[in-house]
Protein backbone atom coordinates (compact mmCIF):
# COMPACT_ATOMS: atom_id res chain seq x y z
CA MET A 1 -7.14 -4.09 14.37
CA SER A 2 -7.33 -6.99 11.95
CA SER A 3 -8.37 -6.91 8.34
CA PRO A 4 -10.63 -9.36 6.51
CA ARG A 5 -7.44 -11.09 5.38
CA GLY A 6 -6.54 -12.00 8.98
CA LYS A 7 -3.40 -9.85 9.03
CA SER A 8 -2.67 -6.40 10.34
CA PHE A 9 -2.82 -3.52 7.89
CA LYS A 10 0.87 -2.84 8.45
CA SER A 11 1.81 -6.37 7.37
CA ILE A 12 -0.48 -6.12 4.34
CA ALA A 13 1.25 -2.86 3.33
CA GLN A 14 4.64 -4.52 3.71
CA ASP A 15 3.48 -7.51 1.66
CA ILE A 16 2.33 -5.13 -1.07
CA SER A 17 5.66 -3.30 -1.05
CA GLU A 18 7.58 -6.56 -1.35
CA GLY A 19 5.35 -7.83 -4.15
CA TYR A 20 3.71 -10.70 -2.24
CA ALA A 21 0.24 -9.20 -2.67
CA THR A 22 -1.31 -7.19 -5.46
CA VAL A 23 -4.14 -4.74 -4.98
CA ASN A 24 -7.09 -4.84 -7.34
CA PRO A 25 -10.85 -4.35 -6.91
CA ILE A 26 -11.36 -8.06 -6.18
CA PHE A 27 -8.74 -7.88 -3.41
CA LEU A 28 -10.50 -4.81 -1.93
CA LYS A 29 -14.05 -6.15 -2.13
CA PRO A 30 -14.22 -7.73 1.37
CA PHE A 31 -12.92 -4.56 3.08
CA GLU A 32 -15.35 -2.33 4.97
CA ASN A 33 -15.13 1.46 4.67
CA GLU A 34 -13.07 1.89 7.84
CA ASP A 35 -10.78 -0.99 6.88
CA LEU A 36 -10.18 0.61 3.49
CA LYS A 37 -9.27 3.90 5.18
CA ALA A 38 -6.92 2.11 7.57
CA LEU A 39 -5.19 0.23 4.74
CA TYR A 40 -4.76 3.45 2.76
CA ALA A 41 -3.28 5.17 5.83
CA GLU A 42 -0.80 2.30 6.31
CA LEU A 43 0.22 2.49 2.67
CA GLU A 44 0.91 6.20 3.07
CA LYS A 45 2.96 5.55 6.23
CA CYS A 46 4.95 2.87 4.44
CA LEU A 47 5.57 5.21 1.49
CA THR A 48 6.82 7.91 3.87
CA ALA A 49 9.07 5.45 5.70
CA ILE A 50 10.69 4.24 2.48
CA ARG A 51 11.18 7.79 1.23
CA SER A 52 12.78 8.81 4.53
CA GLU A 53 15.38 6.02 4.39
CA LYS A 54 18.87 7.00 3.36
CA PHE A 55 19.23 6.94 -0.42
CA PRO A 56 21.62 4.19 -1.57
CA HIS A 57 23.96 6.24 -3.80
CA GLY A 58 25.96 4.17 -6.25
CA GLN A 59 24.18 0.90 -5.50
CA ILE A 60 22.17 0.16 -8.60
CA GLU A 61 20.33 -2.91 -7.27
CA ALA A 62 19.40 -1.16 -4.01
CA ILE A 63 18.08 1.87 -5.91
CA ARG A 64 16.09 -0.41 -8.20
CA ALA A 65 14.61 -2.32 -5.24
CA ARG A 66 13.70 0.93 -3.46
CA ASN A 67 12.03 2.37 -6.55
CA LEU A 68 10.15 -0.87 -7.17
CA ARG A 69 8.80 -0.87 -3.61
CA LEU A 70 7.71 2.78 -4.01
CA GLN A 71 6.07 1.98 -7.33
CA ARG A 72 4.09 -0.95 -5.89
CA LEU A 73 2.87 1.10 -2.93
CA TYR A 74 1.95 4.10 -5.06
CA GLY A 75 0.08 1.89 -7.53
CA ALA A 76 -1.82 0.22 -4.70
CA ALA A 77 -2.75 3.62 -3.25
CA MET A 78 -4.06 4.71 -6.66
CA VAL A 79 -6.19 1.56 -6.98
CA ILE A 80 -7.63 2.15 -3.49
CA ARG A 81 -8.39 5.80 -4.29
CA ASN A 82 -10.18 4.87 -7.52
CA PHE A 83 -12.04 2.00 -5.83
CA ALA A 84 -13.14 4.34 -3.03
CA ARG A 85 -14.24 6.99 -5.51
CA ALA A 86 -16.38 4.43 -7.37
CA LYS A 87 -17.96 3.32 -4.08
CA ARG A 88 -18.31 6.97 -2.92
CA ILE A 89 -16.12 6.44 0.13
CA ILE A 90 -14.07 9.37 1.40
CA ILE A 91 -10.68 8.01 2.46
CA PHE A 92 -8.67 11.18 3.00
């Protein structure tokens, strides 16, 4: 399945986690309802995958990078939830 951006939802979620893409209402505007649900599901999968990785004890930069990736994904999920609520789309 391909998104309006021409990439898979998994790669978009990875781009968001790495900081290459930011999610805002303008970014979400071309997405259809099903595409929005699929992107949200991929974000949740990516969040779960990062949380399930072994925690890097004692490595300050690795902990910071992990937390930053989690923060970006969580923020994107919140923007999608609020966007969906405004459009009256049930995503979960």
